[in-house]
Amino acid sequence: MQKITLTVFSILFFGNVLTAQRTWSLEKCIQHVQQSNVTSLRHANLEVAKNKIVLERTEAERQPDLGFSTNIGLNLGRTIDPSTNEFGNSSTLYNSFRLESNYTLYDGNQTKKRIEKSSLAVQSAQADADQLAKDLSLSVLQAYLTILMAEEQLSNAKKNLSQTESWMRQTKNLVNAGLQSSADMRNVEIQKARDEQKIIDRQNYLDRSYVALKLILEIDPSLSLKIVKPKKIAQPDESIQNLSFRSIYAKALRTQPGVEGGELELKSLKLDKAIALTEKKPTVSLFGGVWTNYSSAITEFDESNIFLDTIGSTYFVSIPGPDIDVPASQIVEVGGELKNKKYLNQVGDNLGYGVGVNVYVPILDKKSSKLNAEIAQINYRQKQEENIQFKQQLRTDIQNAIADVKAAVKKLEAAEKTLTLLEASIVSMKNKLSLGNINAFEYKTILNDRDSAEIELVLAKYEFILKKMIVEFYEGKKLKL
């Protein structure tokens, strides 16, 4: 019993999960494309991450550096011993160590300006990514509305087929009663075949529309997906006719990340000129280090066999063997015994350190700073022109969006009126058909007109929705049905 209960629970649970996964609203589609790191956004997000690393690296330039170096070598013949800086003819083994550090005290505020520039680059890259995400939401909206339109067209095609089948049954009865000819029946059959063909076309268009949406979402086209049909679709109202270009454009300047990104990049380019001019300023740095070395040429007395005595103010060295006491300064001359000084003793005894300040004043730089500043100024002016063009295009897009939505309202009203008149005419023609006052061809003609009017109405309805939401996009509103 427990196994049966568990099985039923699992089927119900996972069935609900799969259903939830397959049924997506417009909000979920937009959220997915903005948060799932799709290909089109991945590059933009990587650019943001790269600029953050550059900023961190630039900030780290304020810190002092610290480096350790060592070398080991063998001198042959007459060479300078790097440990003693003396010439020698014997082969010597040498080894040295050095620990050094540098810290920039002043660089004409170049590092500060570069940090500021890197910070602006991060913000600009993020604004570009945000703008791309918003643009993708429009692509999702268009694909989503295309599916809704395709579904409604398919539904209308199925409804028309059902009406044609009813007409076929009525015509068959009239033919059997001798009120209509077999030619009328063929016209009905032709209409039925056309309706079936439209259903196939509409279904194919719907399937292709779903594939287009899946490609934007970057999900497997073979996976089942069903979009949510809104319970209520927006209808035209008086607010459409009262749309203000100035108001929408002002909102777009505040809500479109591309506008902010352009201004941030402009500030960044302005800093390039300031950075180039700092190259002519002096730099002051603090340095310091610790070092030591070893050389096989360095010797010392064998302390186990040599004794140092003092007689008065004179130092004497006693050497084993002959009873000889000589002044310490003459020990080599009398054949005193020496040995190589131990490695660790040399490293400890030769330890040295030092600190200092380094000042560099550029005098001639081959016009590098001047030319770099001029190039930076040109780049700044180019970006100014790009920002002007971007805002001009934004103005044009908003003006077109306002004009389009107003035209879409009129188009929708005309399509609704046309379909209403045709529906009323069909009712009248249907009565005449049942009385045998008109033939099937005449009735079929008005049905085809009605089908075309339905298609025009569906197109007009979703065109209005799309144009209305584009205006809302520029107003900074959230896209939702």
Protein backbone atom coordinates (compact mmCIF):
# COMPACT_ATOMS: atom_id res chain seq x y z
CA MET A 1 0.00 0.00 0.00
CA GLN A 2 2.86 2.35 0.87
CA LYS A 3 4.54 1.63 -2.49
CA ILE A 4 1.31 2.38 -4.37
CA THR A 5 0.85 5.64 -2.45
CA LEU A 6 4.44 6.67 -3.10
CA THR A 7 4.11 5.88 -6.80
CA VAL A 8 0.89 7.88 -7.16
CA PHE A 9 2.45 10.80 -5.24
CA SER A 10 5.55 10.72 -7.45
CA ILE A 11 3.47 10.72 -10.63
CA LEU A 12 1.37 13.63 -9.44
CA PHE A 13 4.37 15.59 -8.15
CA PHE A 14 6.65 15.15 -11.13
CA GLY A 15 3.69 15.60 -13.50
CA ASN A 16 3.02 18.99 -11.93
CA VAL A 17 6.72 19.90 -12.11
CA LEU A 18 6.92 19.03 -15.80
CA THR A 19 3.74 20.96 -16.49
CA ALA A 20 5.17 23.97 -14.65
CA GLN A 21 8.37 23.70 -16.59
CA ARG A 22 6.53 23.63 -19.92
CA THR A 23 4.13 26.48 -19.25
CA TRP A 24 5.83 29.87 -19.38
CA SER A 25 4.44 33.35 -19.03
CA LEU A 26 5.91 36.37 -20.77
CA GLU A 27 7.47 37.48 -17.47
CA LYS A 28 9.14 34.07 -17.02
CA CYS A 29 10.49 34.11 -20.59
CA ILE A 30 12.00 37.56 -20.06
CA GLN A 31 13.40 36.57 -16.66
CA HIS A 32 14.96 33.46 -18.19
CA VAL A 33 16.67 35.27 -21.03
CA GLN A 34 18.02 37.93 -18.66
CA GLN A 35 19.24 35.61 -15.89
CA SER A 36 20.28 32.37 -17.60
CA ASN A 37 23.41 33.88 -19.16
CA VAL A 38 22.42 33.17 -22.76
CA THR A 39 25.06 33.52 -25.46
CA SER A 40 24.17 37.09 -26.37
CA LEU A 41 24.53 38.17 -22.73
CA ARG A 42 27.48 35.95 -21.87
CA HIS A 43 29.97 38.10 -23.77
CA ALA A 44 28.62 41.28 -22.14
CA ASN A 45 28.83 39.73 -18.67
CA LEU A 46 32.38 38.54 -19.34
CA GLU A 47 33.28 42.10 -20.33
CA VAL A 48 31.95 43.30 -16.97
CA ALA A 49 33.96 40.62 -15.13
CA LYS A 50 37.11 41.52 -17.07
CA ASN A 51 36.77 45.20 -16.25
CA LYS A 52 36.32 44.39 -12.57
CA ILE A 53 39.61 42.49 -12.62
CA VAL A 54 41.31 45.40 -14.39
CA LEU A 55 39.98 47.72 -11.67
CA GLU A 56 41.33 45.43 -8.95
CA ARG A 57 44.71 45.27 -10.69
CA THR A 58 44.85 49.06 -11.03
CA GLU A 59 44.00 49.55 -7.35
CA ALA A 60 46.76 47.08 -6.44
CA GLU A 61 49.33 49.35 -8.12
CA ARG A 62 49.16 51.57 -5.04
CA GLN A 63 50.68 48.82 -2.94
CA PRO A 64 54.46 48.36 -2.61
CA ASP A 65 56.12 45.52 -4.48
CA LEU A 66 58.49 42.98 -2.94
CA GLY A 67 60.86 40.74 -4.83
CA PHE A 68 63.47 38.14 -4.04
CA SER A 69 66.36 37.23 -6.33
CA THR A 70 69.31 34.89 -6.11
CA ASN A 71 72.10 33.71 -8.38
CA ILE A 72 74.85 31.15 -8.33
CA GLY A 73 77.83 30.89 -10.65
CA LEU A 74 81.41 29.78 -11.23
CA ASN A 75 84.21 32.16 -12.23
CA LEU A 76 87.16 30.73 -14.24
CA GLY A 77 90.42 32.54 -14.91
CA ARG A 78 90.98 36.18 -14.09
CA THR A 79 87.60 37.57 -13.19
CA ILE A 80 86.01 39.78 -10.60
CA ASP A 81 84.63 37.92 -7.65
CA PRO A 82 81.06 39.35 -7.26
CA SER A 83 81.27 38.72 -3.53
CA THR A 84 84.47 40.70 -2.95
CA ASN A 85 84.61 42.89 -6.10
CA GLU A 86 88.30 41.94 -6.39
CA PHE A 87 90.19 40.42 -9.32
CA GLY A 88 91.36 36.85 -8.96
CA ASN A 89 92.99 34.16 -11.07
CA SER A 90 91.57 31.14 -9.31
CA SER A 91 88.25 29.51 -9.94
CA THR A 92 85.61 30.69 -7.48
CA LEU A 93 82.08 29.63 -6.73
CA TYR A 94 79.74 32.47 -5.74
CA ASN A 95 76.15 32.79 -4.56
CA SER A 96 74.14 35.92 -3.69
CA PHE A 97 70.67 36.77 -2.35
CA ARG A 98 68.69 39.99 -2.57
CA LEU A 99 65.29 41.06 -1.19
CA GLU A 100 64.06 44.38 -2.64
CA SER A 101 60.96 46.55 -2.40
CA ASN A 102 59.70 49.70 -4.15
CA TYR A 103 56.82 51.99 -3.25
CA THR A 104 55.61 54.92 -5.34
CA LEU A 105 55.17 58.05 -3.27
CA TYR A 106 54.05 60.35 -6.07
CA ASP A 107 53.29 59.80 -9.78
CA GLY A 108 51.37 62.95 -10.69
CA ASN A 109 48.07 61.29 -9.62
CA GLN A 110 48.36 58.97 -12.62
CA THR A 111 47.39 55.87 -10.60
CA LYS A 112 44.42 57.67 -9.04
CA LYS A 113 43.10 58.68 -12.46
CA ARG A 114 43.61 55.19 -13.84
CA ILE A 115 41.62 53.74 -10.94
CA GLU A 116 38.84 56.20 -11.66
CA LYS A 117 38.92 55.26 -15.35
CA SER A 118 38.77 51.54 -14.54
CA SER A 119 35.82 52.14 -12.22
CA LEU A 120 33.98 53.97 -15.01
CA ALA A 121 34.80 51.10 -17.39
CA VAL A 122 33.09 48.64 -15.01
CA GLN A 123 29.98 50.83 -14.81
CA SER A 124 29.92 51.37 -18.57
CA ALA A 125 30.24 47.64 -19.30
CA GLN A 126 27.42 46.91 -16.85
CA ALA A 127 25.23 49.52 -18.53
CA ASP A 128 25.90 47.90 -21.91
CA ALA A 129 24.94 44.50 -20.49
CA ASP A 130 21.75 45.95 -19.00
CA GLN A 131 20.83 47.59 -22.31
CA LEU A 132 21.38 44.30 -24.13
CA ALA A 133 19.15 42.53 -21.60
CA LYS A 134 16.40 45.11 -22.19
CA ASP A 135 16.73 44.77 -25.96
CA LEU A 136 16.46 40.99 -25.61
CA SER A 137 13.23 41.45 -23.66
CA LEU A 138 11.77 43.18 -26.72
CA SER A 139 12.81 40.22 -28.89
CA VAL A 140 11.13 37.86 -26.42
CA LEU A 141 7.99 40.02 -26.45
CA GLN A 142 7.78 39.98 -30.24
CA ALA A 143 8.28 36.19 -30.40
CA TYR A 144 5.74 35.69 -27.61
CA LEU A 145 3.08 37.81 -29.31
CA THR A 146 3.77 36.02 -32.59
CA ILE A 147 2.89 32.72 -30.91
CA LEU A 148 -0.30 34.17 -29.44
CA MET A 149 -1.24 35.50 -32.86
CA ALA A 150 -0.46 32.15 -34.51
CA GLU A 151 -2.56 30.30 -31.93
CA GLU A 152 -5.51 32.61 -32.52
CA GLN A 153 -5.20 32.24 -36.29
CA LEU A 154 -5.11 28.46 -35.88
CA SER A 155 -8.19 28.62 -33.66
CA ASN A 156 -10.02 30.71 -36.26
CA ALA A 157 -9.02 28.29 -39.02
CA LYS A 158 -10.45 25.37 -37.01
CA LYS A 159 -13.62 27.32 -36.33
CA ASN A 160 -14.00 28.11 -40.03
CA LEU A 161 -13.55 24.44 -40.89
CA SER A 162 -16.28 23.55 -38.43
CA GLN A 163 -18.60 26.10 -40.03
CA THR A 164 -17.76 24.78 -43.49
CA GLU A 165 -18.55 21.23 -42.40
CA SER A 166 -21.92 22.46 -41.11
CA TRP A 167 -22.45 24.20 -44.44
CA MET A 168 -21.53 20.97 -46.21
CA ARG A 169 -24.19 19.03 -44.33
CA GLN A 170 -26.76 21.71 -45.12
CA THR A 171 -25.77 21.77 -48.79
CA LYS A 172 -25.96 17.98 -49.00
CA ASN A 173 -29.53 18.12 -47.74
CA LEU A 174 -30.38 20.83 -50.27
CA VAL A 175 -28.83 18.81 -53.11
CA ASN A 176 -30.79 15.74 -52.07
CA ALA A 177 -33.93 17.87 -52.01
CA GLY A 178 -33.15 19.14 -55.51
CA LEU A 179 -32.80 22.74 -54.35
CA GLN A 180 -29.08 22.95 -55.26
CA SER A 181 -26.89 21.30 -57.84
CA SER A 182 -23.87 19.03 -57.48
CA ALA A 183 -21.74 22.01 -58.58
CA ASP A 184 -22.73 23.76 -55.37
CA MET A 185 -21.61 20.69 -53.44
CA ARG A 186 -18.22 20.76 -55.17
CA ASN A 187 -17.78 24.42 -54.19
CA VAL A 188 -18.39 23.46 -50.58
CA GLU A 189 -15.90 20.60 -50.84
CA ILE A 190 -13.34 22.99 -52.33
CA GLN A 191 -13.92 25.38 -49.43
CA LYS A 192 -13.48 22.53 -46.94
CA ALA A 193 -10.20 21.49 -48.58
CA ARG A 194 -8.94 25.08 -48.40
CA ASP A 195 -9.92 25.31 -44.75
CA GLU A 196 -8.01 22.11 -44.00
CA GLN A 197 -4.99 23.48 -45.86
CA LYS A 198 -5.16 26.69 -43.81
CA ILE A 199 -5.15 24.64 -40.61
CA ILE A 200 -1.98 22.88 -41.75
CA ASP A 201 -0.35 26.20 -42.64
CA ARG A 202 -1.41 27.82 -39.37
CA GLN A 203 -0.13 24.85 -37.35
CA ASN A 204 3.20 24.96 -39.15
CA TYR A 205 3.46 28.72 -38.52
CA LEU A 206 2.69 28.15 -34.84
CA ASP A 207 5.36 25.42 -34.57
CA ARG A 208 7.94 27.64 -36.25
CA SER A 209 7.01 30.52 -33.92
CA TYR A 210 7.65 28.31 -30.91
CA VAL A 211 11.04 27.32 -32.34
CA ALA A 212 11.91 31.00 -32.78
CA LEU A 213 11.09 31.69 -29.12
CA LYS A 214 13.09 28.67 -27.95
CA LEU A 215 16.10 29.86 -29.94
CA ILE A 216 15.95 33.25 -28.22
CA LEU A 217 15.62 31.52 -24.83
CA GLU A 218 18.37 29.06 -25.88
CA ILE A 219 16.47 25.99 -24.80
CA ASP A 220 16.32 22.72 -26.69
CA PRO A 221 13.86 23.14 -29.61
CA SER A 222 12.71 19.55 -29.07
CA LEU A 223 11.53 20.27 -25.52
CA SER A 224 7.84 20.82 -24.96
CA LEU A 225 6.92 24.42 -24.24
CA LYS A 226 3.56 26.09 -23.84
CA ILE A 227 3.14 29.81 -23.29
CA VAL A 228 0.46 31.30 -21.08
CA LYS A 229 -2.34 33.05 -22.90
CA PRO A 230 -3.28 36.22 -21.02
CA LYS A 231 -6.79 36.28 -19.62
CA LYS A 232 -7.25 39.87 -20.71
CA ILE A 233 -5.57 41.71 -23.55
CA ALA A 234 -5.12 45.48 -23.43
CA GLN A 235 -7.57 47.52 -25.47
CA PRO A 236 -7.09 51.01 -26.91
CA ASP A 237 -8.05 53.90 -24.66
CA GLU A 238 -7.79 57.67 -24.64
CA SER A 239 -4.28 57.60 -23.17
CA ILE A 240 -2.93 56.46 -26.56
CA GLN A 241 -4.00 59.69 -28.20
CA ASN A 242 -2.53 61.74 -25.35
CA LEU A 243 0.99 60.31 -25.57
CA SER A 244 3.62 63.03 -25.20
CA PHE A 245 6.94 62.74 -27.00
CA ARG A 246 8.71 65.05 -24.55
CA SER A 247 7.54 63.05 -21.56
CA ILE A 248 8.47 59.66 -23.04
CA TYR A 249 11.85 60.90 -24.27
CA ALA A 250 12.68 62.33 -20.83
CA LYS A 251 11.80 58.98 -19.24
CA ALA A 252 13.85 57.09 -21.82
CA LEU A 253 16.93 59.18 -21.03
CA ARG A 254 16.61 58.08 -17.40
CA THR A 255 15.64 54.43 -17.92
CA GLN A 256 17.62 53.30 -20.97
CA PRO A 257 21.01 51.96 -19.76
CA GLY A 258 22.56 52.73 -23.14
CA VAL A 259 22.25 56.46 -22.45
CA GLU A 260 24.03 56.16 -19.12
CA GLY A 261 26.65 53.84 -20.64
CA GLY A 262 27.49 56.40 -23.30
CA GLU A 263 27.96 59.16 -20.71
CA LEU A 264 30.16 56.91 -18.55
CA GLU A 265 32.35 56.02 -21.52
CA LEU A 266 32.62 59.73 -22.34
CA LYS A 267 33.93 60.43 -18.83
CA SER A 268 36.38 57.55 -19.19
CA LEU A 269 37.77 58.96 -22.44
CA LYS A 270 38.13 62.38 -20.84
CA LEU A 271 40.38 60.80 -18.21
CA ASP A 272 42.62 59.40 -20.97
CA LYS A 273 43.74 62.93 -21.78
CA ALA A 274 44.43 63.71 -18.11
CA ILE A 275 46.42 60.47 -17.75
CA ALA A 276 48.48 61.29 -20.84
CA LEU A 277 49.37 64.72 -19.42
CA THR A 278 50.52 63.18 -16.11
CA GLU A 279 53.27 61.38 -18.03
CA LYS A 280 55.18 64.71 -18.05
CA LYS A 281 55.14 64.98 -14.27
CA PRO A 282 57.96 63.68 -12.06
CA THR A 283 57.67 60.46 -10.10
CA VAL A 284 59.02 59.84 -6.61
CA SER A 285 59.48 56.35 -5.23
CA LEU A 286 60.90 54.82 -2.08
CA PHE A 287 63.13 51.76 -2.37
CA GLY A 288 64.89 49.47 0.03
CA GLY A 289 66.56 46.09 0.15
CA VAL A 290 68.44 43.44 2.08
CA TRP A 291 71.24 41.43 0.52
CA THR A 292 74.06 39.00 1.28
CA ASN A 293 76.49 36.78 -0.61
CA TYR A 294 78.93 33.89 -0.52
CA SER A 295 82.25 33.23 -2.31
CA SER A 296 84.54 30.23 -2.18
CA ALA A 297 87.51 32.67 -2.39
CA ILE A 298 86.85 34.08 1.08
CA THR A 299 89.03 32.40 3.77
CA GLU A 300 89.59 32.65 7.50
CA PHE A 301 92.09 31.44 10.05
CA ASP A 302 91.68 27.96 11.43
CA GLU A 303 90.59 28.90 14.91
CA SER A 304 91.30 25.42 16.28
CA ASN A 305 95.04 25.76 15.59
CA ILE A 306 95.66 29.49 15.89
CA PHE A 307 95.59 31.37 19.15
CA LEU A 308 95.42 35.12 19.55
CA ASP A 309 97.38 36.62 22.48
CA THR A 310 97.84 40.16 23.65
CA ILE A 311 101.08 41.58 25.02
CA GLY A 312 100.62 45.15 25.96
CA SER A 313 98.96 46.91 23.07
CA THR A 314 100.24 44.44 20.44
CA TYR A 315 98.31 41.39 19.18
CA PHE A 316 100.34 38.21 18.60
CA VAL A 317 99.30 34.95 16.93
CA SER A 318 100.72 31.60 18.12
CA ILE A 319 101.05 29.01 15.34
CA PRO A 320 101.40 25.29 16.17
CA GLY A 321 104.71 23.61 15.35
CA PRO A 322 107.73 25.89 15.80
CA ASP A 323 107.38 28.12 18.83
CA ILE A 324 106.73 31.29 16.93
CA ASP A 325 104.87 34.35 18.06
CA VAL A 326 104.41 37.04 15.47
CA PRO A 327 102.19 40.10 15.17
CA ALA A 328 98.73 39.28 13.79
CA SER A 329 99.29 41.64 10.86
CA GLN A 330 102.16 39.44 9.62
CA ILE A 331 100.52 36.05 10.02
CA VAL A 332 100.27 35.43 6.26
CA GLU A 333 103.89 36.27 5.73
CA VAL A 334 105.03 33.62 8.18
CA GLY A 335 102.85 30.92 6.63
CA GLY A 336 99.77 30.97 8.80
CA GLU A 337 97.23 28.26 7.94
CA LEU A 338 93.90 29.50 6.34
CA LYS A 339 90.67 27.70 5.35
CA ASN A 340 87.51 28.54 3.35
CA LYS A 341 84.99 30.47 5.42
CA LYS A 342 81.81 28.51 6.07
CA TYR A 343 78.76 29.17 3.90
CA LEU A 344 76.35 30.18 6.65
CA ASN A 345 79.01 32.31 8.32
CA GLN A 346 79.54 34.25 5.12
CA VAL A 347 75.79 34.71 4.59
CA GLY A 348 75.48 36.09 8.09
CA ASP A 349 78.62 38.23 8.05
CA ASN A 350 77.97 39.69 4.57
CA LEU A 351 74.40 40.78 5.35
CA GLY A 352 73.68 44.34 4.22
CA TYR A 353 70.65 46.57 3.78
CA GLY A 354 69.75 50.01 2.55
CA VAL A 355 66.89 52.41 1.81
CA GLY A 356 66.58 55.40 -0.48
CA VAL A 357 64.38 57.71 -2.52
CA ASN A 358 64.34 57.76 -6.30
CA VAL A 359 63.17 60.82 -8.26
CA TYR A 360 62.56 60.69 -12.01
CA VAL A 361 61.87 63.88 -13.96
CA PRO A 362 60.95 63.38 -17.64
CA ILE A 363 62.55 65.99 -19.86
CA LEU A 364 62.21 64.67 -23.41
CA ASP A 365 59.69 61.91 -24.16
CA LYS A 366 59.62 62.12 -27.97
CA LYS A 367 56.30 64.03 -27.74
CA SER A 368 54.69 60.87 -26.39
CA SER A 369 52.53 62.57 -23.72
CA LYS A 370 51.50 65.41 -26.05
CA LEU A 371 50.46 63.11 -28.89
CA ASN A 372 48.70 60.69 -26.54
CA ALA A 373 46.71 63.62 -25.14
CA GLU A 374 45.72 64.72 -28.66
CA ILE A 375 44.61 61.19 -29.56
CA ALA A 376 42.59 61.03 -26.33
CA GLN A 377 40.91 64.32 -27.20
CA ILE A 378 39.91 63.02 -30.65
CA ASN A 379 38.53 59.81 -29.11
CA TYR A 380 36.53 61.96 -26.69
CA ARG A 381 35.04 64.03 -29.51
CA GLN A 382 34.21 60.88 -31.50
CA LYS A 383 32.34 59.46 -28.53
CA GLN A 384 30.50 62.76 -28.13
CA GLU A 385 29.27 62.40 -31.72
CA GLU A 386 28.26 58.78 -31.10
CA ASN A 387 26.24 59.80 -28.04
CA ILE A 388 24.53 62.54 -30.05
CA GLN A 389 23.68 60.01 -32.79
CA PHE A 390 22.41 57.53 -30.18
CA LYS A 391 20.07 60.14 -28.68
CA GLN A 392 18.93 61.24 -32.14
CA GLN A 393 18.12 57.62 -33.00
CA LEU A 394 16.34 57.27 -29.67
CA ARG A 395 14.22 60.33 -30.48
CA THR A 396 13.41 58.91 -33.91
CA ASP A 397 12.49 55.51 -32.47
CA ILE A 398 10.20 57.08 -29.88
CA GLN A 399 8.50 59.33 -32.44
CA ASN A 400 7.98 56.31 -34.72
CA ALA A 401 6.69 54.23 -31.79
CA ILE A 402 4.11 56.89 -30.90
CA ALA A 403 3.01 57.23 -34.53
CA ASP A 404 2.87 53.44 -34.94
CA VAL A 405 0.70 52.83 -31.88
CA LYS A 406 -1.76 55.57 -32.91
CA ALA A 407 -1.95 54.10 -36.41
CA ALA A 408 -2.38 50.61 -34.91
CA VAL A 409 -5.42 51.83 -32.95
CA LYS A 410 -7.09 53.11 -36.13
CA LYS A 411 -6.16 49.94 -37.99
CA LEU A 412 -7.64 47.80 -35.22
CA GLU A 413 -10.87 49.81 -35.18
CA ALA A 414 -11.20 49.47 -38.95
CA ALA A 415 -10.54 45.72 -38.85
CA GLU A 416 -13.14 45.23 -36.09
CA LYS A 417 -15.71 47.22 -38.07
CA THR A 418 -15.01 45.26 -41.26
CA LEU A 419 -15.38 41.90 -39.53
CA THR A 420 -18.60 42.97 -37.79
CA LEU A 421 -20.15 44.00 -41.09
CA LEU A 422 -19.04 40.78 -42.78
CA GLU A 423 -20.43 38.65 -39.94
CA ALA A 424 -23.78 40.39 -40.27
CA SER A 425 -23.68 39.88 -44.04
CA ILE A 426 -22.90 36.18 -43.60
CA VAL A 427 -26.00 35.73 -41.43
CA SER A 428 -28.12 37.27 -44.17
CA MET A 429 -26.41 35.24 -46.90
CA LYS A 430 -26.81 32.05 -44.90
CA ASN A 431 -30.57 32.56 -44.74
CA LYS A 432 -30.69 33.20 -48.47
CA LEU A 433 -28.62 30.05 -49.04
CA SER A 434 -31.02 27.93 -47.02
CA LEU A 435 -33.87 29.27 -49.18
CA GLY A 436 -31.93 28.59 -52.39
CA ASN A 437 -31.81 32.28 -53.34
CA ILE A 438 -28.02 32.23 -53.75
CA ASN A 439 -25.59 29.55 -54.83
CA ALA A 440 -22.63 28.05 -52.97
CA PHE A 441 -20.10 30.10 -54.92
CA GLU A 442 -21.60 33.38 -53.73
CA TYR A 443 -21.70 32.15 -50.15
CA LYS A 444 -18.14 30.83 -50.43
CA THR A 445 -16.94 34.24 -51.65
CA ILE A 446 -18.23 36.07 -48.61
CA LEU A 447 -16.81 33.36 -46.32
CA ASN A 448 -13.38 33.93 -47.85
CA ASP A 449 -13.80 37.65 -47.26
CA ARG A 450 -14.70 36.92 -43.65
CA ASP A 451 -11.60 34.69 -43.26
CA SER A 452 -9.38 37.47 -44.59
CA ALA A 453 -11.05 39.96 -42.25
CA GLU A 454 -10.41 37.66 -39.28
CA ILE A 455 -6.76 37.40 -40.19
CA GLU A 456 -6.51 41.17 -40.55
CA LEU A 457 -8.18 41.64 -37.17
CA VAL A 458 -5.79 39.24 -35.44
CA LEU A 459 -2.81 40.94 -37.04
CA ALA A 460 -4.13 44.37 -36.10
CA LYS A 461 -4.83 43.33 -32.51
CA TYR A 462 -1.35 41.97 -31.85
CA GLU A 463 0.29 44.76 -33.80
CA PHE A 464 -1.43 47.20 -31.46
CA ILE A 465 -0.27 45.25 -28.40
CA LEU A 466 3.31 45.17 -29.66
CA LYS A 467 3.40 48.88 -30.54
CA LYS A 468 1.80 49.80 -27.22
CA MET A 469 4.37 47.79 -25.26
CA ILE A 470 7.24 49.30 -27.24
CA VAL A 471 6.09 52.71 -26.05
CA GLU A 472 5.96 51.32 -22.49
CA PHE A 473 9.48 49.97 -23.02
CA TYR A 474 10.76 53.48 -23.69
CA GLU A 475 8.83 54.74 -20.67
CA GLY A 476 10.80 52.30 -18.54
CA LYS A 477 7.80 50.17 -17.63
CA LYS A 478 8.01 46.44 -17.01
CA LEU A 479 6.94 44.39 -20.03
CA LYS A 480 3.94 42.27 -19.06
CA LEU A 481 0.62 41.20 -20.55
